[in-house]
Amino acid sequence: MSSIAVPAVTVLPSVTSLPPAAAVPAEPAIGAAPAEPAVVGVPTPPTGSPRTELRGRIGAGFSPVPHRYRLYLAPDCPRSLRVAAALAALGLEGSVAATVLPADTGRCDAGAHAALRRAYEAAGHHFDGILTVPALVDTWSGRVVSNHTAGILDDLRFLGAHPAFRTVS
């Protein structure tokens, strides 16, 4: 006779060990708006505030002129590092100014944070949302053109290829 191997049996938890029905989130009603995901540690802007994502473009309302734009960046932000690397790779440091904001607003250049706040307020009347970086600011109008990283990178490529920026050193 041969021996038969018996597979291991997995014991399922009993019904009494499941969470009570009140602890299980309910399904949203049909046609209801999906719940917004919560972001831990980041304050949510008030409901009446304008969108915090600005997507203006150079060449569409903002003319490509050397020394007209300023980038606001943060040293601990990966998107800011990408924008700074593109600025250097395209040779635009001499024609597009960059301001690196300190992570601690009380430690040093609070004036740079105030300037960025004014630029956001100029972009949206009574802007009370969150300041985000990277931000591309038009120094002539004093407002944020874009804080969308992909758009800023495209604008920097556009400026790098523009004839007026090739002669600026």
Protein backbone atom coordinates (compact mmCIF):
# COMPACT_ATOMS: atom_id res chain seq x y z
CA MET A 1 0.00 0.00 0.00
CA SER A 2 1.08 3.50 -0.71
CA SER A 3 0.68 6.39 1.67
CA ILE A 4 -1.44 9.36 0.67
CA ALA A 5 -0.22 12.88 1.51
CA VAL A 6 -2.86 15.03 3.16
CA PRO A 7 -2.61 18.75 2.28
CA ALA A 8 -2.41 21.26 5.11
CA VAL A 9 -5.72 22.77 6.08
CA THR A 10 -6.00 26.54 6.36
CA VAL A 11 -8.26 27.68 9.16
CA LEU A 12 -10.38 30.67 8.24
CA PRO A 13 -11.21 33.28 10.88
CA SER A 14 -14.54 32.87 12.52
CA VAL A 15 -17.35 35.27 11.83
CA THR A 16 -16.95 36.72 15.31
CA SER A 17 -13.45 38.00 14.50
CA LEU A 18 -14.58 40.16 11.57
CA PRO A 19 -14.94 43.93 12.14
CA PRO A 20 -18.42 45.19 12.99
CA ALA A 21 -20.50 46.47 10.09
CA ALA A 22 -20.06 50.07 11.28
CA ALA A 23 -16.28 49.79 10.81
CA VAL A 24 -16.57 48.70 7.19
CA PRO A 25 -16.85 51.69 4.83
CA ALA A 26 -20.13 51.84 2.98
CA GLU A 27 -20.26 51.80 -0.79
CA PRO A 28 -21.05 55.22 -2.30
CA ALA A 29 -24.55 55.65 -3.60
CA ILE A 30 -25.05 55.28 -7.34
CA GLY A 31 -24.53 58.64 -8.99
CA ALA A 32 -22.76 60.11 -5.94
CA ALA A 33 -19.44 61.89 -6.41
CA PRO A 34 -16.46 59.75 -5.39
CA ALA A 35 -14.78 60.72 -2.14
CA GLU A 36 -11.60 62.78 -2.47
CA PRO A 37 -8.49 61.02 -1.18
CA ALA A 38 -7.10 62.56 1.97
CA VAL A 39 -3.55 63.80 1.89
CA VAL A 40 -1.91 63.44 5.26
CA GLY A 41 0.12 66.41 6.46
CA VAL A 42 -0.99 68.79 3.71
CA PRO A 43 -3.67 71.35 4.51
CA THR A 44 -6.61 71.37 2.13
CA PRO A 45 -7.39 74.74 0.55
CA PRO A 46 -10.78 76.23 1.38
CA THR A 47 -13.64 75.18 -0.87
CA GLY A 48 -14.09 78.63 -2.42
CA SER A 49 -10.44 79.06 -3.39
CA PRO A 50 -9.31 78.88 -7.02
CA ARG A 51 -7.56 75.82 -8.37
CA THR A 52 -3.99 75.55 -7.17
CA GLU A 53 -2.77 74.20 -10.50
CA LEU A 54 -1.96 76.98 -12.96
CA ARG A 55 -1.19 76.00 -16.53
CA GLY A 56 -0.32 79.14 -18.48
CA ARG A 57 2.15 78.74 -21.32
CA ILE A 58 4.92 80.87 -22.76
CA GLY A 59 4.03 81.67 -26.36
CA ALA A 60 0.29 81.59 -25.56
CA GLY A 61 -0.31 84.87 -23.78
CA PHE A 62 3.22 85.21 -22.40
CA SER A 63 5.86 86.30 -24.89
CA PRO A 64 9.31 84.72 -24.95
CA VAL A 65 11.54 87.57 -23.77
CA PRO A 66 14.89 87.06 -22.00
CA HIS A 67 15.04 88.10 -18.32
CA ARG A 68 11.23 88.20 -18.09
CA TYR A 69 10.69 84.99 -16.10
CA ARG A 70 11.68 83.72 -12.67
CA LEU A 71 11.51 80.17 -11.38
CA TYR A 72 10.77 79.44 -7.72
CA LEU A 73 12.25 76.11 -6.64
CA ALA A 74 12.74 74.09 -3.45
CA PRO A 75 15.90 72.07 -2.74
CA ASP A 76 13.99 69.09 -1.30
CA CYS A 77 11.45 68.83 -4.16
CA PRO A 78 12.22 66.27 -6.90
CA ARG A 79 10.15 68.23 -9.46
CA SER A 80 12.14 71.38 -8.67
CA LEU A 81 15.36 69.44 -9.17
CA ARG A 82 14.13 68.30 -12.61
CA VAL A 83 13.34 71.89 -13.57
CA ALA A 84 16.72 73.13 -12.27
CA ALA A 85 18.51 70.41 -14.25
CA ALA A 86 16.61 71.36 -17.42
CA LEU A 87 17.42 75.05 -16.85
CA ALA A 88 21.13 74.20 -16.64
CA ALA A 89 21.10 71.70 -19.52
CA LEU A 90 19.42 74.19 -21.84
CA GLY A 91 21.83 76.97 -20.86
CA LEU A 92 19.08 79.30 -19.66
CA GLU A 93 20.57 80.31 -16.28
CA GLY A 94 21.59 83.69 -17.71
CA SER A 95 18.14 84.52 -19.06
CA VAL A 96 15.68 82.89 -16.61
CA ALA A 97 16.22 83.79 -12.96
CA ALA A 98 15.81 81.15 -10.28
CA THR A 99 15.05 81.56 -6.60
CA VAL A 100 15.53 78.60 -4.28
CA LEU A 101 13.13 78.81 -1.36
CA PRO A 102 14.34 77.54 2.00
CA ALA A 103 12.37 74.65 3.45
CA ASP A 104 12.01 76.45 6.80
CA THR A 105 10.14 79.74 6.25
CA GLY A 106 11.32 81.22 9.56
CA ARG A 107 14.97 80.35 9.04
CA CYS A 108 15.97 82.63 6.21
CA ASP A 109 14.66 84.39 3.11
CA ALA A 110 11.04 85.04 4.12
CA GLY A 111 10.95 87.76 1.43
CA ALA A 112 11.12 85.10 -1.30
CA HIS A 113 8.09 83.33 0.18
CA ALA A 114 6.24 86.67 0.33
CA ALA A 115 7.13 87.38 -3.32
CA LEU A 116 5.82 83.96 -4.35
CA ARG A 117 2.62 84.55 -2.34
CA ARG A 118 2.10 87.89 -4.16
CA ALA A 119 2.62 86.16 -7.53
CA TYR A 120 -0.02 83.54 -6.68
CA GLU A 121 -2.40 86.26 -5.50
CA ALA A 122 -1.87 88.12 -8.78
CA ALA A 123 -2.71 84.93 -10.69
CA GLY A 124 -5.98 84.40 -8.81
CA HIS A 125 -7.93 87.12 -7.04
CA HIS A 126 -7.80 86.53 -3.26
CA PHE A 127 -5.78 83.34 -3.77
CA ASP A 128 -5.71 81.51 -0.46
CA GLY A 129 -4.57 78.11 -1.67
CA ILE A 130 -1.32 76.30 -1.06
CA LEU A 131 1.88 77.71 -2.58
CA THR A 132 3.54 75.03 -4.68
CA VAL A 133 6.89 74.83 -6.43
CA PRO A 134 8.22 74.70 -9.02
CA ALA A 135 6.49 77.87 -10.12
CA LEU A 136 7.26 79.92 -13.23
CA VAL A 137 6.51 83.62 -12.63
CA ASP A 138 6.19 86.40 -15.19
CA THR A 139 8.09 89.32 -13.62
CA TRP A 140 6.38 91.87 -15.88
CA SER A 141 2.86 91.11 -14.68
CA GLY A 142 4.00 89.71 -11.32
CA ARG A 143 1.87 86.59 -11.60
CA VAL A 144 2.43 82.85 -11.74
CA VAL A 145 2.39 81.56 -15.29
CA SER A 146 2.49 77.88 -14.38
CA ASN A 147 3.14 75.54 -11.49
CA HIS A 148 2.65 72.44 -13.64
CA THR A 149 6.05 70.74 -13.92
CA ALA A 150 5.54 69.20 -17.36
CA GLY A 151 4.34 72.55 -18.74
CA ILE A 152 7.32 74.37 -17.22
CA LEU A 153 9.73 71.84 -18.76
CA ASP A 154 8.07 72.28 -22.17
CA ASP A 155 8.29 76.07 -21.81
CA LEU A 156 11.99 75.84 -20.95
CA ARG A 157 12.58 73.70 -24.07
CA PHE A 158 10.67 76.31 -26.10
CA LEU A 159 12.81 79.12 -24.65
CA GLY A 160 16.00 77.13 -25.23
CA ALA A 161 15.14 76.82 -28.93
CA HIS A 162 13.96 80.43 -29.33
CA PRO A 163 16.40 82.71 -31.24
CA ALA A 164 16.20 85.50 -28.64
CA PHE A 165 17.46 83.14 -25.93
CA ARG A 166 20.33 81.70 -27.98
CA THR A 167 22.15 85.04 -28.04
CA VAL A 168 21.69 85.84 -24.33
CA SER A 169 24.58 84.93 -22.08
